[in-house]
Amino acid sequence: MVDAPNDRGEPFFVTTPGGFGVLAWLDHRSYSVSLQTGKIELYVAPVNYDLTTAAPTVIKHARFIAGTSELNGVEVGSNVILGWLDERNGKGILDPRAEVWLDTAWY
């Protein structure tokens, strides 16, 4: 998953009580093809006890800027709270004005 450059970000693993855990990662494929129309997408997938993953879910409303958002997560009950920095509200590179964004993957 992480061998192809500019395709997928480093996966983030969170353990959960309802299964082995959840894998979350950023997918850069459409952004790599076109910087103007592509976007970086957030994927999450449950990991089974045999280390296979179920079909991933895309959190479509999440937005990221390449190289500026580091995805993190923590288990809360059977859910995974994901957090990252969003630097879209700034005035360019010299004044980024980052915001913290949160989302939940429900399992």
PDB file of N, CA and C in Angstrom:
ATOM      1  N   MET A   1       0.813  -1.199   0.000  1.00  0.00           N
ATOM      2  CA  MET A   1       0.000   0.000   0.000  1.00  0.00           C
ATOM      3  C   MET A   1       0.854   1.259   0.000  1.00  0.00           C
ATOM      4  N   VAL A   2       1.997   1.254   0.639  1.00  0.00           N
ATOM      5  CA  VAL A   2       2.778   2.487   0.753  1.00  0.00           C
ATOM      6  C   VAL A   2       4.008   2.492  -0.155  1.00  0.00           C
ATOM      7  N   ASP A   3       4.132   1.529  -1.070  1.00  0.00           N
ATOM      8  CA  ASP A   3       5.310   1.459  -1.931  1.00  0.00           C
ATOM      9  C   ASP A   3       5.286   2.457  -3.085  1.00  0.00           C
ATOM     10  N   ALA A   4       4.103   2.791  -3.600  1.00  0.00           N
ATOM     11  CA  ALA A   4       4.013   3.676  -4.754  1.00  0.00           C
ATOM     12  C   ALA A   4       4.080   5.126  -4.294  1.00  0.00           C
ATOM     13  N   PRO A   5       5.028   5.904  -4.823  1.00  0.00           N
ATOM     14  CA  PRO A   5       5.140   7.305  -4.388  1.00  0.00           C
ATOM     15  C   PRO A   5       3.917   8.122  -4.784  1.00  0.00           C
ATOM     16  N   ASN A   6       3.545   9.047  -3.924  1.00  0.00           N
ATOM     17  CA  ASN A   6       2.422   9.962  -4.151  1.00  0.00           C
ATOM     18  C   ASN A   6       1.075   9.276  -4.311  1.00  0.00           C
ATOM     19  N   ASP A   7       0.954   8.048  -3.884  1.00  0.00           N
ATOM     20  CA  ASP A   7      -0.326   7.360  -4.022  1.00  0.00           C
ATOM     21  C   ASP A   7      -1.086   7.276  -2.712  1.00  0.00           C
ATOM     22  N   ARG A   8      -0.463   6.755  -1.664  1.00  0.00           N
ATOM     23  CA  ARG A   8      -1.159   6.582  -0.397  1.00  0.00           C
ATOM     24  C   ARG A   8      -0.233   6.969   0.747  1.00  0.00           C
ATOM     25  N   GLY A   9      -0.811   7.581   1.760  1.00  0.00           N
ATOM     26  CA  GLY A   9      -0.028   7.980   2.914  1.00  0.00           C
ATOM     27  C   GLY A   9       0.208   6.820   3.865  1.00  0.00           C
ATOM     28  N   GLU A  10       1.079   7.033   4.799  1.00  0.00           N
ATOM     29  CA  GLU A  10       1.379   6.021   5.807  1.00  0.00           C
ATOM     30  C   GLU A  10       0.104   5.655   6.566  1.00  0.00           C
ATOM     31  N   PRO A  11      -0.238   4.361   6.683  1.00  0.00           N
ATOM     32  CA  PRO A  11      -1.463   3.989   7.394  1.00  0.00           C
ATOM     33  C   PRO A  11      -1.336   4.218   8.898  1.00  0.00           C
ATOM     34  N   PHE A  12      -2.460   4.480   9.516  1.00  0.00           N
ATOM     35  CA  PHE A  12      -2.537   4.695  10.959  1.00  0.00           C
ATOM     36  C   PHE A  12      -3.455   3.620  11.521  1.00  0.00           C
ATOM     37  N   PHE A  13      -2.980   2.841  12.503  1.00  0.00           N
ATOM     38  CA  PHE A  13      -3.742   1.720  13.055  1.00  0.00           C
ATOM     39  C   PHE A  13      -4.233   2.054  14.458  1.00  0.00           C
ATOM     40  N   VAL A  14      -5.527   1.762  14.704  1.00  0.00           N
ATOM     41  CA  VAL A  14      -6.126   1.988  16.015  1.00  0.00           C
ATOM     42  C   VAL A  14      -6.801   0.688  16.443  1.00  0.00           C
ATOM     43  N   THR A  15      -6.492   0.183  17.637  1.00  0.00           N
ATOM     44  CA  THR A  15      -7.159  -1.016  18.130  1.00  0.00           C
ATOM     45  C   THR A  15      -8.574  -0.675  18.572  1.00  0.00           C
ATOM     46  N   THR A  16      -9.477  -1.646  18.447  1.00  0.00           N
ATOM     47  CA  THR A  16     -10.862  -1.466  18.877  1.00  0.00           C
ATOM     48  C   THR A  16     -11.333  -2.737  19.580  1.00  0.00           C
ATOM     49  N   PRO A  17     -12.283  -2.625  20.510  1.00  0.00           N
ATOM     50  CA  PRO A  17     -12.767  -3.816  21.208  1.00  0.00           C
ATOM     51  C   PRO A  17     -13.632  -4.729  20.344  1.00  0.00           C
ATOM     52  N   GLY A  18     -14.241  -4.204  19.276  1.00  0.00           N
ATOM     53  CA  GLY A  18     -15.134  -4.988  18.444  1.00  0.00           C
ATOM     54  C   GLY A  18     -14.441  -5.803  17.378  1.00  0.00           C
ATOM     55  N   GLY A  19     -13.158  -5.715  17.245  1.00  0.00           N
ATOM     56  CA  GLY A  19     -12.387  -6.431  16.232  1.00  0.00           C
ATOM     57  C   GLY A  19     -10.920  -6.230  16.542  1.00  0.00           C
ATOM     58  N   PHE A  20     -10.077  -6.553  15.607  1.00  0.00           N
ATOM     59  CA  PHE A  20      -8.649  -6.380  15.828  1.00  0.00           C
ATOM     60  C   PHE A  20      -8.274  -4.898  15.832  1.00  0.00           C
ATOM     61  N   GLY A  21      -8.942  -4.107  14.983  1.00  0.00           N
ATOM     62  CA  GLY A  21      -8.660  -2.681  14.932  1.00  0.00           C
ATOM     63  C   GLY A  21      -9.152  -2.059  13.650  1.00  0.00           C
ATOM     64  N   VAL A  22      -8.752  -0.813  13.438  1.00  0.00           N
ATOM     65  CA  VAL A  22      -9.137  -0.049  12.259  1.00  0.00           C
ATOM     66  C   VAL A  22      -7.884   0.557  11.653  1.00  0.00           C
ATOM     67  N   LEU A  23      -7.784   0.486  10.339  1.00  0.00           N
ATOM     68  CA  LEU A  23      -6.677   1.082   9.607  1.00  0.00           C
ATOM     69  C   LEU A  23      -7.203   2.331   8.906  1.00  0.00           C
ATOM     70  N   ALA A  24      -6.519   3.448   9.059  1.00  0.00           N
ATOM     71  CA  ALA A  24      -6.897   4.699   8.389  1.00  0.00           C
ATOM     72  C   ALA A  24      -5.700   5.201   7.591  1.00  0.00           C
ATOM     73  N   TRP A  25      -5.955   5.757   6.422  1.00  0.00           N
ATOM     74  CA  TRP A  25      -4.872   6.280   5.604  1.00  0.00           C
ATOM     75  C   TRP A  25      -5.405   7.344   4.651  1.00  0.00           C
ATOM     76  N   LEU A  26      -4.469   8.129   4.123  1.00  0.00           N
ATOM     77  CA  LEU A  26      -4.802   9.148   3.122  1.00  0.00           C
ATOM     78  C   LEU A  26      -4.430   8.621   1.751  1.00  0.00           C
ATOM     79  N   ASP A  27      -5.327   8.788   0.795  1.00  0.00           N
ATOM     80  CA  ASP A  27      -5.118   8.318  -0.568  1.00  0.00           C
ATOM     81  C   ASP A  27      -4.899   9.537  -1.470  1.00  0.00           C
ATOM     82  N   HIS A  28      -3.726   9.601  -2.088  1.00  0.00           N
ATOM     83  CA  HIS A  28      -3.317  10.760  -2.892  1.00  0.00           C
ATOM     84  C   HIS A  28      -3.493  10.533  -4.396  1.00  0.00           C
ATOM     85  N   ARG A  29      -4.082   9.429  -4.809  1.00  0.00           N
ATOM     86  CA  ARG A  29      -4.054   9.084  -6.236  1.00  0.00           C
ATOM     87  C   ARG A  29      -4.686  10.125  -7.138  1.00  0.00           C
ATOM     88  N   SER A  30      -5.884  10.593  -6.854  1.00  0.00           N
ATOM     89  CA  SER A  30      -6.502  11.571  -7.763  1.00  0.00           C
ATOM     90  C   SER A  30      -5.797  12.914  -7.678  1.00  0.00           C
ATOM     91  N   TYR A  31      -5.237  13.253  -6.521  1.00  0.00           N
ATOM     92  CA  TYR A  31      -4.480  14.500  -6.350  1.00  0.00           C
ATOM     93  C   TYR A  31      -3.182  14.458  -7.149  1.00  0.00           C
ATOM     94  N   SER A  32      -2.549  13.276  -7.214  1.00  0.00           N
ATOM     95  CA  SER A  32      -1.308  13.135  -7.969  1.00  0.00           C
ATOM     96  C   SER A  32      -1.534  13.296  -9.464  1.00  0.00           C
ATOM     97  N   VAL A  33      -2.714  12.899  -9.943  1.00  0.00           N
ATOM     98  CA  VAL A  33      -3.027  13.010 -11.368  1.00  0.00           C
ATOM     99  C   VAL A  33      -3.295  14.468 -11.741  1.00  0.00           C
ATOM    100  N   SER A  34      -4.050  15.186 -10.900  1.00  0.00           N
ATOM    101  CA  SER A  34      -4.379  16.581 -11.186  1.00  0.00           C
ATOM    102  C   SER A  34      -4.425  17.382  -9.887  1.00  0.00           C
ATOM    103  N   LEU A  35      -3.512  18.314  -9.724  1.00  0.00           N
ATOM    104  CA  LEU A  35      -3.481  19.141  -8.517  1.00  0.00           C
ATOM    105  C   LEU A  35      -4.693  20.069  -8.440  1.00  0.00           C
ATOM    106  N   GLN A  36      -5.291  20.411  -9.575  1.00  0.00           N
ATOM    107  CA  GLN A  36      -6.421  21.336  -9.579  1.00  0.00           C
ATOM    108  C   GLN A  36      -7.750  20.653  -9.304  1.00  0.00           C
ATOM    109  N   THR A  37      -7.966  19.472  -9.850  1.00  0.00           N
ATOM    110  CA  THR A  37      -9.264  18.817  -9.680  1.00  0.00           C
ATOM    111  C   THR A  37      -9.213  17.636  -8.715  1.00  0.00           C
ATOM    112  N   GLY A  38      -8.045  17.082  -8.461  1.00  0.00           N
ATOM    113  CA  GLY A  38      -7.934  15.932  -7.572  1.00  0.00           C
ATOM    114  C   GLY A  38      -7.983  16.344  -6.113  1.00  0.00           C
ATOM    115  N   LYS A  39      -8.194  15.361  -5.243  1.00  0.00           N
ATOM    116  CA  LYS A  39      -8.191  15.635  -3.813  1.00  0.00           C
ATOM    117  C   LYS A  39      -7.604  14.454  -3.061  1.00  0.00           C
ATOM    118  N   ILE A  40      -7.136  14.721  -1.877  1.00  0.00           N
ATOM    119  CA  ILE A  40      -6.617  13.684  -0.999  1.00  0.00           C
ATOM    120  C   ILE A  40      -7.797  13.158  -0.190  1.00  0.00           C
ATOM    121  N   GLU A  41      -8.026  11.845  -0.234  1.00  0.00           N
ATOM    122  CA  GLU A  41      -9.183  11.251   0.415  1.00  0.00           C
ATOM    123  C   GLU A  41      -8.781  10.478   1.664  1.00  0.00           C
ATOM    124  N   LEU A  42      -9.677  10.449   2.642  1.00  0.00           N
ATOM    125  CA  LEU A  42      -9.481   9.708   3.892  1.00  0.00           C
ATOM    126  C   LEU A  42     -10.218   8.376   3.790  1.00  0.00           C
ATOM    127  N   TYR A  43      -9.478   7.288   3.954  1.00  0.00           N
ATOM    128  CA  TYR A  43     -10.029   5.940   3.932  1.00  0.00           C
ATOM    129  C   TYR A  43      -9.905   5.319   5.320  1.00  0.00           C
ATOM    130  N   VAL A  44     -10.904   4.540   5.713  1.00  0.00           N
ATOM    131  CA  VAL A  44     -10.835   3.738   6.941  1.00  0.00           C
ATOM    132  C   VAL A  44     -11.370   2.344   6.623  1.00  0.00           C
ATOM    133  N   ALA A  45     -10.757   1.329   7.258  1.00  0.00           N
ATOM    134  CA  ALA A  45     -11.194  -0.051   7.055  1.00  0.00           C
ATOM    135  C   ALA A  45     -10.957  -0.847   8.326  1.00  0.00           C
ATOM    136  N   PRO A  46     -11.937  -1.648   8.746  1.00  0.00           N
ATOM    137  CA  PRO A  46     -11.720  -2.508   9.903  1.00  0.00           C
ATOM    138  C   PRO A  46     -10.739  -3.626   9.563  1.00  0.00           C
ATOM    139  N   VAL A  47      -9.898  -3.977  10.527  1.00  0.00           N
ATOM    140  CA  VAL A  47      -8.937  -5.068  10.371  1.00  0.00           C
ATOM    141  C   VAL A  47      -9.449  -6.251  11.177  1.00  0.00           C
ATOM    142  N   ASN A  48      -9.553  -7.396  10.531  1.00  0.00           N
ATOM    143  CA  ASN A  48     -10.044  -8.599  11.187  1.00  0.00           C
ATOM    144  C   ASN A  48      -8.924  -9.290  11.970  1.00  0.00           C
ATOM    145  N   TYR A  49      -9.285 -10.249  12.800  1.00  0.00           N
ATOM    146  CA  TYR A  49      -8.292 -10.968  13.603  1.00  0.00           C
ATOM    147  C   TYR A  49      -7.311 -11.761  12.744  1.00  0.00           C
ATOM    148  N   ASP A  50      -7.692 -12.124  11.509  1.00  0.00           N
ATOM    149  CA  ASP A  50      -6.761 -12.832  10.627  1.00  0.00           C
ATOM    150  C   ASP A  50      -5.918 -11.857   9.794  1.00  0.00           C
ATOM    151  N   LEU A  51      -5.932 -10.563  10.170  1.00  0.00           N
ATOM    152  CA  LEU A  51      -5.147  -9.487   9.559  1.00  0.00           C
ATOM    153  C   LEU A  51      -5.573  -9.139   8.131  1.00  0.00           C
ATOM    154  N   THR A  52      -6.794  -9.501   7.746  1.00  0.00           N
ATOM    155  CA  THR A  52      -7.353  -9.019   6.487  1.00  0.00           C
ATOM    156  C   THR A  52      -8.211  -7.798   6.797  1.00  0.00           C
ATOM    157  N   THR A  53      -8.465  -6.985   5.786  1.00  0.00           N
ATOM    158  CA  THR A  53      -9.316  -5.810   5.994  1.00  0.00           C
ATOM    159  C   THR A  53     -10.625  -5.981   5.245  1.00  0.00           C
ATOM    160  N   ALA A  54     -11.668  -5.412   5.816  1.00  0.00           N
ATOM    161  CA  ALA A  54     -12.951  -5.345   5.122  1.00  0.00           C
ATOM    162  C   ALA A  54     -12.852  -4.236   4.079  1.00  0.00           C
ATOM    163  N   ALA A  55     -13.888  -4.072   3.292  1.00  0.00           N
ATOM    164  CA  ALA A  55     -13.896  -3.019   2.280  1.00  0.00           C
ATOM    165  C   ALA A  55     -13.724  -1.654   2.958  1.00  0.00           C
ATOM    166  N   PRO A  56     -12.843  -0.814   2.431  1.00  0.00           N
ATOM    167  CA  PRO A  56     -12.636   0.496   3.058  1.00  0.00           C
ATOM    168  C   PRO A  56     -13.799   1.440   2.798  1.00  0.00           C
ATOM    169  N   THR A  57     -13.971   2.382   3.708  1.00  0.00           N
ATOM    170  CA  THR A  57     -14.963   3.437   3.584  1.00  0.00           C
ATOM    171  C   THR A  57     -14.230   4.749   3.349  1.00  0.00           C
ATOM    172  N   VAL A  58     -14.713   5.546   2.422  1.00  0.00           N
ATOM    173  CA  VAL A  58     -14.140   6.867   2.169  1.00  0.00           C
ATOM    174  C   VAL A  58     -14.964   7.891   2.935  1.00  0.00           C
ATOM    175  N   ILE A  59     -14.308   8.726   3.733  1.00  0.00           N
ATOM    176  CA  ILE A  59     -14.989   9.835   4.400  1.00  0.00           C
ATOM    177  C   ILE A  59     -14.896  11.014   3.441  1.00  0.00           C
ATOM    178  N   LYS A  60     -15.940  11.193   2.633  1.00  0.00           N
ATOM    179  CA  LYS A  60     -15.894  12.106   1.489  1.00  0.00           C
ATOM    180  C   LYS A  60     -15.784  13.573   1.859  1.00  0.00           C
ATOM    181  N   HIS A  61     -16.286  13.989   3.005  1.00  0.00           N
ATOM    182  CA  HIS A  61     -16.254  15.412   3.337  1.00  0.00           C
ATOM    183  C   HIS A  61     -14.920  15.845   3.956  1.00  0.00           C
ATOM    184  N   ALA A  62     -14.023  14.915   4.242  1.00  0.00           N
ATOM    185  CA  ALA A  62     -12.715  15.271   4.811  1.00  0.00           C
ATOM    186  C   ALA A  62     -11.833  15.876   3.726  1.00  0.00           C
ATOM    187  N   ARG A  63     -11.096  16.911   4.084  1.00  0.00           N
ATOM    188  CA  ARG A  63     -10.204  17.580   3.130  1.00  0.00           C
ATOM    189  C   ARG A  63      -8.805  17.684   3.715  1.00  0.00           C
ATOM    190  N   PHE A  64      -7.795  17.522   2.865  1.00  0.00           N
ATOM    191  CA  PHE A  64      -6.404  17.552   3.299  1.00  0.00           C
ATOM    192  C   PHE A  64      -5.564  18.339   2.308  1.00  0.00           C
ATOM    193  N   ILE A  65      -4.457  18.869   2.784  1.00  0.00           N
ATOM    194  CA  ILE A  65      -3.475  19.532   1.933  1.00  0.00           C
ATOM    195  C   ILE A  65      -2.206  18.697   1.987  1.00  0.00           C
ATOM    196  N   ALA A  66      -1.654  18.387   0.827  1.00  0.00           N
ATOM    197  CA  ALA A  66      -0.491  17.504   0.751  1.00  0.00           C
ATOM    198  C   ALA A  66       0.655  18.014   1.604  1.00  0.00           C
ATOM    199  N   GLY A  67       1.195  17.127   2.431  1.00  0.00           N
ATOM    200  CA  GLY A  67       2.365  17.438   3.235  1.00  0.00           C
ATOM    201  C   GLY A  67       2.102  18.262   4.476  1.00  0.00           C
ATOM    202  N   THR A  68       0.858  18.647   4.749  1.00  0.00           N
ATOM    203  CA  THR A  68       0.603  19.494   5.916  1.00  0.00           C
ATOM    204  C   THR A  68      -0.286  18.838   6.962  1.00  0.00           C
ATOM    205  N   SER A  69      -0.996  17.782   6.614  1.00  0.00           N
ATOM    206  CA  SER A  69      -1.957  17.181   7.533  1.00  0.00           C
ATOM    207  C   SER A  69      -1.472  15.810   7.982  1.00  0.00           C
ATOM    208  N   GLU A  70      -1.243  15.647   9.264  1.00  0.00           N
ATOM    209  CA  GLU A  70      -0.836  14.355   9.804  1.00  0.00           C
ATOM    210  C   GLU A  70      -2.036  13.720  10.497  1.00  0.00           C
ATOM    211  N   LEU A  71      -2.458  12.586   9.977  1.00  0.00           N
ATOM    212  CA  LEU A  71      -3.635  11.894  10.486  1.00  0.00           C
ATOM    213  C   LEU A  71      -3.290  11.140  11.765  1.00  0.00           C
ATOM    214  N   ASN A  72      -4.151  11.252  12.769  1.00  0.00           N
ATOM    215  CA  ASN A  72      -4.021  10.514  14.022  1.00  0.00           C
ATOM    216  C   ASN A  72      -5.383   9.988  14.415  1.00  0.00           C
ATOM    217  N   GLY A  73      -5.417   9.037  15.330  1.00  0.00           N
ATOM    218  CA  GLY A  73      -6.690   8.498  15.773  1.00  0.00           C
ATOM    219  C   GLY A  73      -6.588   7.854  17.136  1.00  0.00           C
ATOM    220  N   VAL A  74      -7.749   7.675  17.771  1.00  0.00           N
ATOM    221  CA  VAL A  74      -7.818   7.042  19.077  1.00  0.00           C
ATOM    222  C   VAL A  74      -9.150   6.306  19.184  1.00  0.00           C
ATOM    223  N   GLU A  75      -9.143   5.182  19.883  1.00  0.00           N
ATOM    224  CA  GLU A  75     -10.349   4.401  20.087  1.00  0.00           C
ATOM    225  C   GLU A  75     -11.158   4.977  21.232  1.00  0.00           C
ATOM    226  N   VAL A  76     -12.461   5.129  21.007  1.00  0.00           N
ATOM    227  CA  VAL A  76     -13.391   5.572  22.048  1.00  0.00           C
ATOM    228  C   VAL A  76     -14.570   4.611  21.989  1.00  0.00           C
ATOM    229  N   GLY A  77     -14.609   3.649  22.891  1.00  0.00           N
ATOM    230  CA  GLY A  77     -15.629   2.610  22.813  1.00  0.00           C
ATOM    231  C   GLY A  77     -15.422   1.802  21.553  1.00  0.00           C
ATOM    232  N   SER A  78     -16.467   1.639  20.749  1.00  0.00           N
ATOM    233  CA  SER A  78     -16.334   0.908  19.483  1.00  0.00           C
ATOM    234  C   SER A  78     -16.083   1.849  18.311  1.00  0.00           C
ATOM    235  N   ASN A  79     -15.819   3.108  18.585  1.00  0.00           N
ATOM    236  CA  ASN A  79     -15.602   4.102  17.534  1.00  0.00           C
ATOM    237  C   ASN A  79     -14.146   4.526  17.488  1.00  0.00           C
ATOM    238  N   VAL A  80     -13.767   5.105  16.372  1.00  0.00           N
ATOM    239  CA  VAL A  80     -12.427   5.652  16.210  1.00  0.00           C
ATOM    240  C   VAL A  80     -12.565   7.136  15.891  1.00  0.00           C
ATOM    241  N   ILE A  81     -11.998   7.972  16.756  1.00  0.00           N
ATOM    242  CA  ILE A  81     -11.981   9.420  16.520  1.00  0.00           C
ATOM    243  C   ILE A  81     -10.698   9.739  15.768  1.00  0.00           C
ATOM    244  N   LEU A  82     -10.826  10.332  14.599  1.00  0.00           N
ATOM    245  CA  LEU A  82      -9.686  10.703  13.766  1.00  0.00           C
ATOM    246  C   LEU A  82      -9.487  12.210  13.841  1.00  0.00           C
ATOM    247  N   GLY A  83      -8.248  12.645  13.901  1.00  0.00           N
ATOM    248  CA  GLY A  83      -7.950  14.073  13.971  1.00  0.00           C
ATOM    249  C   GLY A  83      -6.813  14.438  13.034  1.00  0.00           C
ATOM    250  N   TRP A  84      -6.838  15.665  12.522  1.00  0.00           N
ATOM    251  CA  TRP A  84      -5.787  16.162  11.646  1.00  0.00           C
ATOM    252  C   TRP A  84      -5.825  17.673  11.610  1.00  0.00           C
ATOM    253  N   LEU A  85      -4.759  18.258  11.094  1.00  0.00           N
ATOM    254  CA  LEU A  85      -4.698  19.705  10.908  1.00  0.00           C
ATOM    255  C   LEU A  85      -5.153  20.054   9.500  1.00  0.00           C
ATOM    256  N   ASP A  86      -5.909  21.105   9.377  1.00  0.00           N
ATOM    257  CA  ASP A  86      -6.376  21.607   8.090  1.00  0.00           C
ATOM    258  C   ASP A  86      -5.864  23.033   7.956  1.00  0.00           C
ATOM    259  N   GLU A  87      -5.069  23.282   6.919  1.00  0.00           N
ATOM    260  CA  GLU A  87      -4.433  24.590   6.764  1.00  0.00           C
ATOM    261  C   GLU A  87      -5.025  25.398   5.614  1.00  0.00           C
ATOM    262  N   ARG A  88      -6.270  25.120   5.222  1.00  0.00           N
ATOM    263  CA  ARG A  88      -6.877  25.843   4.095  1.00  0.00           C
ATOM    264  C   ARG A  88      -7.260  27.267   4.417  1.00  0.00           C
ATOM    265  N   ASN A  89      -7.466  27.608   5.677  1.00  0.00           N
ATOM    266  CA  ASN A  89      -7.994  28.924   6.024  1.00  0.00           C
ATOM    267  C   ASN A  89      -6.940  30.018   6.149  1.00  0.00           C
ATOM    268  N   GLY A  90      -5.723  29.704   5.844  1.00  0.00           N
ATOM    269  CA  GLY A  90      -4.664  30.697   5.973  1.00  0.00           C
ATOM    270  C   GLY A  90      -4.528  31.597   4.767  1.00  0.00           C
ATOM    271  N   LYS A  91      -3.482  32.395   4.792  1.00  0.00           N
ATOM    272  CA  LYS A  91      -3.212  33.332   3.696  1.00  0.00           C
ATOM    273  C   LYS A  91      -1.915  32.938   3.004  1.00  0.00           C
ATOM    274  N   GLY A  92      -1.789  31.662   2.689  1.00  0.00           N
ATOM    275  CA  GLY A  92      -0.604  31.189   2.001  1.00  0.00           C
ATOM    276  C   GLY A  92       0.364  30.485   2.943  1.00  0.00           C
ATOM    277  N   ILE A  93       1.528  30.186   2.437  1.00  0.00           N
ATOM    278  CA  ILE A  93       2.527  29.419   3.174  1.00  0.00           C
ATOM    279  C   ILE A  93       3.039  30.176   4.398  1.00  0.00           C
ATOM    280  N   LEU A  94       3.155  31.502   4.306  1.00  0.00           N
ATOM    281  CA  LEU A  94       3.720  32.274   5.414  1.00  0.00           C
ATOM    282  C   LEU A  94       2.732  32.503   6.562  1.00  0.00           C
ATOM    283  N   ASP A  95       1.440  32.311   6.332  1.00  0.00           N
ATOM    284  CA  ASP A  95       0.419  32.525   7.359  1.00  0.00           C
ATOM    285  C   ASP A  95      -0.645  31.430   7.253  1.00  0.00           C
ATOM    286  N   PRO A  96      -0.321  30.166   7.660  1.00  0.00           N
ATOM    287  CA  PRO A  96      -1.211  29.041   7.391  1.00  0.00           C
ATOM    288  C   PRO A  96      -2.493  28.995   8.218  1.00  0.00           C
ATOM    289  N   ARG A  97      -2.519  29.487   9.443  1.00  0.00           N
ATOM    290  CA  ARG A  97      -3.710  29.478  10.308  1.00  0.00           C
ATOM    291  C   ARG A  97      -4.406  28.115  10.340  1.00  0.00           C
ATOM    292  N   ALA A  98      -3.690  27.137  10.833  1.00  0.00           N
ATOM    293  CA  ALA A  98      -4.195  25.765  10.864  1.00  0.00           C
ATOM    294  C   ALA A  98      -5.365  25.616  11.831  1.00  0.00           C
ATOM    295  N   GLU A  99      -6.274  24.726  11.477  1.00  0.00           N
ATOM    296  CA  GLU A  99      -7.389  24.363  12.336  1.00  0.00           C
ATOM    297  C   GLU A  99      -7.318  22.861  12.598  1.00  0.00           C
ATOM    298  N   VAL A 100      -7.803  22.430  13.756  1.00  0.00           N
ATOM    299  CA  VAL A 100      -7.887  21.002  14.065  1.00  0.00           C
ATOM    300  C   VAL A 100      -9.257  20.503  13.636  1.00  0.00           C
ATOM    301  N   TRP A 101      -9.273  19.412  12.871  1.00  0.00           N
ATOM    302  CA  TRP A 101     -10.517  18.799  12.410  1.00  0.00           C
ATOM    303  C   TRP A 101     -10.632  17.410  12.997  1.00  0.00           C
ATOM    304  N   LEU A 102     -11.853  16.996  13.302  1.00  0.00           N
ATOM    305  CA  LEU A 102     -12.128  15.677  13.870  1.00  0.00           C
ATOM    306  C   LEU A 102     -13.223  15.002  13.071  1.00  0.00           C
ATOM    307  N   ASP A 103     -13.160  13.694  12.998  1.00  0.00           N
ATOM    308  CA  ASP A 103     -14.225  12.904  12.411  1.00  0.00           C
ATOM    309  C   ASP A 103     -14.265  11.570  13.121  1.00  0.00           C
ATOM    310  N   THR A 104     -15.358  10.837  12.961  1.00  0.00           N
ATOM    311  CA  THR A 104     -15.537   9.574  13.655  1.00  0.00           C
ATOM    312  C   THR A 104     -15.821   8.458  12.671  1.00  0.00           C
ATOM    313  N   ALA A 105     -15.142   7.337  12.840  1.00  0.00           N
ATOM    314  CA  ALA A 105     -15.454   6.103  12.116  1.00  0.00           C
ATOM    315  C   ALA A 105     -16.194   5.212  13.111  1.00  0.00           C
ATOM    316  N   TRP A 106     -17.426   4.862  12.809  1.00  0.00           N
ATOM    317  CA  TRP A 106     -18.290   4.102  13.717  1.00  0.00           C
ATOM    318  C   TRP A 106     -18.190   2.619  13.424  1.00  0.00           C
ATOM    319  N   TYR A 107     -17.848   1.823  14.449  1.00  0.00           N
ATOM    320  CA  TYR A 107     -17.772   0.354  14.277  1.00  0.00           C
ATOM    321  C   TYR A 107     -18.438  -0.343  15.426  1.00  0.00           C
TER     322      TYR A 107
END
